[in-house]
Amino acid sequence: MDRRIIWTEIALSDLQQIVDYIAKDSNRYAAAVARQVRDASRSLRRLADRGRIVPELGRSQIREVFVRSYRLVYSVSTENVHILGVIHGARDFATLWDREERPRD
């Protein structure tokens, strides 16, 4: 069964900020990163459980896959995958997640 992919507003904002930042140097590279993130999110329709549990959160339903240097964070339910964020791997995940009051479960 395919799950429905639902992007949260904050995750869409994350992706837009990443694209805008990269586009300052290269529109082509920015478009490639955006495409890879979207492709990775679409792959979760059937393979949502393939991502690892986010170590900072320790919840089995909140997982992540890596796309280049970015952590694509999502929650899994029986019918849906909610994209919760796209975070650069070098950032302090726990502080960022708490400051922005993103879901922990």
C-alpha atoms as a PDB file:
ATOM      1  CA  MET A   1       0.000   0.000   0.000  1.00  0.00           C
ATOM      2  CA  ASP A   2       1.302   3.427  -0.922  1.00  0.00           C
ATOM      3  CA  ARG A   3       1.269   6.082   1.766  1.00  0.00           C
ATOM      4  CA  ARG A   4       0.351   9.667   1.025  1.00  0.00           C
ATOM      5  CA  ILE A   5       3.202  12.186   1.306  1.00  0.00           C
ATOM      6  CA  ILE A   6       2.287  15.391   3.143  1.00  0.00           C
ATOM      7  CA  TRP A   7       4.770  18.243   3.451  1.00  0.00           C
ATOM      8  CA  THR A   8       4.423  20.477   6.510  1.00  0.00           C
ATOM      9  CA  GLU A   9       4.738  24.222   5.992  1.00  0.00           C
ATOM     10  CA  ILE A  10       7.950  24.358   7.978  1.00  0.00           C
ATOM     11  CA  ALA A  11       9.502  21.578   5.876  1.00  0.00           C
ATOM     12  CA  LEU A  12       8.554  23.425   2.685  1.00  0.00           C
ATOM     13  CA  SER A  13      10.131  26.543   4.176  1.00  0.00           C
ATOM     14  CA  ASP A  14      13.297  24.576   5.017  1.00  0.00           C
ATOM     15  CA  LEU A  15      13.580  23.391   1.426  1.00  0.00           C
ATOM     16  CA  GLN A  16      12.964  26.860   0.015  1.00  0.00           C
ATOM     17  CA  GLN A  17      15.639  28.366   2.270  1.00  0.00           C
ATOM     18  CA  ILE A  18      18.122  25.698   1.180  1.00  0.00           C
ATOM     19  CA  VAL A  19      17.345  26.295  -2.490  1.00  0.00           C
ATOM     20  CA  ASP A  20      17.616  30.070  -2.082  1.00  0.00           C
ATOM     21  CA  TYR A  21      20.963  29.749  -0.302  1.00  0.00           C
ATOM     22  CA  ILE A  22      22.471  27.392  -2.878  1.00  0.00           C
ATOM     23  CA  ALA A  23      21.078  29.456  -5.776  1.00  0.00           C
ATOM     24  CA  LYS A  24      23.280  32.375  -4.719  1.00  0.00           C
ATOM     25  CA  ASP A  25      26.144  30.362  -6.212  1.00  0.00           C
ATOM     26  CA  SER A  26      24.419  28.029  -8.645  1.00  0.00           C
ATOM     27  CA  ASN A  27      20.822  27.836  -9.832  1.00  0.00           C
ATOM     28  CA  ARG A  28      21.575  24.522 -11.461  1.00  0.00           C
ATOM     29  CA  TYR A  29      22.910  22.945  -8.271  1.00  0.00           C
ATOM     30  CA  ALA A  30      20.014  24.396  -6.256  1.00  0.00           C
ATOM     31  CA  ALA A  31      17.521  22.821  -8.661  1.00  0.00           C
ATOM     32  CA  ALA A  32      19.362  19.488  -8.471  1.00  0.00           C
ATOM     33  CA  VAL A  33      19.250  19.455  -4.661  1.00  0.00           C
ATOM     34  CA  ALA A  34      15.538  20.345  -4.661  1.00  0.00           C
ATOM     35  CA  ARG A  35      14.831  17.561  -7.157  1.00  0.00           C
ATOM     36  CA  GLN A  36      16.773  15.002  -5.100  1.00  0.00           C
ATOM     37  CA  VAL A  37      14.949  15.953  -1.902  1.00  0.00           C
ATOM     38  CA  ARG A  38      11.564  15.712  -3.634  1.00  0.00           C
ATOM     39  CA  ASP A  39      12.528  12.359  -5.187  1.00  0.00           C
ATOM     40  CA  ALA A  40      13.609  11.034  -1.787  1.00  0.00           C
ATOM     41  CA  SER A  41      10.312  12.151  -0.250  1.00  0.00           C
ATOM     42  CA  ARG A  42       8.324  10.439  -3.009  1.00  0.00           C
ATOM     43  CA  SER A  43      10.254   7.210  -2.444  1.00  0.00           C
ATOM     44  CA  LEU A  44       8.822   7.111   1.074  1.00  0.00           C
ATOM     45  CA  ARG A  45       5.391   6.235  -0.304  1.00  0.00           C
ATOM     46  CA  ARG A  46       6.430   2.599  -0.365  1.00  0.00           C
ATOM     47  CA  LEU A  47       9.643   2.542   1.648  1.00  0.00           C
ATOM     48  CA  ALA A  48       8.913   4.764   4.646  1.00  0.00           C
ATOM     49  CA  ASP A  49      10.379   2.346   7.172  1.00  0.00           C
ATOM     50  CA  ARG A  50      13.768   2.327   5.451  1.00  0.00           C
ATOM     51  CA  GLY A  51      14.918   5.514   7.171  1.00  0.00           C
ATOM     52  CA  ARG A  52      16.675   5.358  10.490  1.00  0.00           C
ATOM     53  CA  ILE A  53      15.051   6.534  13.702  1.00  0.00           C
ATOM     54  CA  VAL A  54      16.190  10.100  14.422  1.00  0.00           C
ATOM     55  CA  PRO A  55      18.714   9.556  17.252  1.00  0.00           C
ATOM     56  CA  GLU A  56      17.992  12.882  18.956  1.00  0.00           C
ATOM     57  CA  LEU A  57      14.298  12.054  19.237  1.00  0.00           C
ATOM     58  CA  GLY A  58      14.340   8.284  19.753  1.00  0.00           C
ATOM     59  CA  ARG A  59      10.775   7.782  18.458  1.00  0.00           C
ATOM     60  CA  SER A  60      10.167   4.867  16.107  1.00  0.00           C
ATOM     61  CA  GLN A  61       7.656   6.819  14.011  1.00  0.00           C
ATOM     62  CA  ILE A  62      10.024   9.761  13.375  1.00  0.00           C
ATOM     63  CA  ARG A  63      12.682   8.780  10.883  1.00  0.00           C
ATOM     64  CA  GLU A  64      15.143  10.309   8.490  1.00  0.00           C
ATOM     65  CA  VAL A  65      16.907   9.662   5.237  1.00  0.00           C
ATOM     66  CA  PHE A  66      19.939  11.550   4.034  1.00  0.00           C
ATOM     67  CA  VAL A  67      19.984  13.482   0.786  1.00  0.00           C
ATOM     68  CA  ARG A  68      23.475  14.800   0.179  1.00  0.00           C
ATOM     69  CA  SER A  69      24.274  16.751   3.371  1.00  0.00           C
ATOM     70  CA  TYR A  70      20.636  17.120   4.413  1.00  0.00           C
ATOM     71  CA  ARG A  71      18.481  15.149   6.810  1.00  0.00           C
ATOM     72  CA  LEU A  72      14.968  14.633   5.437  1.00  0.00           C
ATOM     73  CA  VAL A  73      12.972  14.104   8.641  1.00  0.00           C
ATOM     74  CA  TYR A  74       9.510  12.574   8.515  1.00  0.00           C
ATOM     75  CA  SER A  75       6.881  10.837  10.602  1.00  0.00           C
ATOM     76  CA  VAL A  76       5.235   7.611   9.526  1.00  0.00           C
ATOM     77  CA  SER A  77       1.700   6.402  10.080  1.00  0.00           C
ATOM     78  CA  THR A  78      -0.186   3.598   8.394  1.00  0.00           C
ATOM     79  CA  GLU A  79      -1.616   5.863   5.712  1.00  0.00           C
ATOM     80  CA  ASN A  80       0.638   8.936   5.583  1.00  0.00           C
ATOM     81  CA  VAL A  81       4.177  10.197   5.673  1.00  0.00           C
ATOM     82  CA  HIS A  82       4.491  13.745   7.000  1.00  0.00           C
ATOM     83  CA  ILE A  83       7.673  15.534   5.971  1.00  0.00           C
ATOM     84  CA  LEU A  84       8.691  17.444   9.101  1.00  0.00           C
ATOM     85  CA  GLY A  85      11.919  19.087   8.050  1.00  0.00           C
ATOM     86  CA  VAL A  86      14.965  19.296   5.830  1.00  0.00           C
ATOM     87  CA  ILE A  87      17.937  20.060   8.056  1.00  0.00           C
ATOM     88  CA  HIS A  88      21.596  20.400   7.112  1.00  0.00           C
ATOM     89  CA  GLY A  89      23.575  17.641   8.791  1.00  0.00           C
ATOM     90  CA  ALA A  90      26.087  20.101  10.280  1.00  0.00           C
ATOM     91  CA  ARG A  91      23.432  22.003  12.224  1.00  0.00           C
ATOM     92  CA  ASP A  92      22.670  21.335  15.879  1.00  0.00           C
ATOM     93  CA  PHE A  93      19.551  19.284  15.309  1.00  0.00           C
ATOM     94  CA  ALA A  94      18.214  19.151  18.881  1.00  0.00           C
ATOM     95  CA  THR A  95      18.532  22.899  19.481  1.00  0.00           C
ATOM     96  CA  LEU A  96      16.979  23.768  16.134  1.00  0.00           C
ATOM     97  CA  TRP A  97      14.125  21.292  16.561  1.00  0.00           C
ATOM     98  CA  ASP A  98      13.279  22.590  20.040  1.00  0.00           C
ATOM     99  CA  ARG A  99      13.628  26.263  19.137  1.00  0.00           C
ATOM    100  CA  GLU A 100      11.206  25.883  16.246  1.00  0.00           C
ATOM    101  CA  GLU A 101       8.842  23.728  18.319  1.00  0.00           C
ATOM    102  CA  ARG A 102       8.754  20.913  15.803  1.00  0.00           C
ATOM    103  CA  PRO A 103       6.999  17.656  16.723  1.00  0.00           C
ATOM    104  CA  ARG A 104       8.790  15.194  18.981  1.00  0.00           C
ATOM    105  CA  ASP A 105       6.256  12.373  18.616  1.00  0.00           C
END
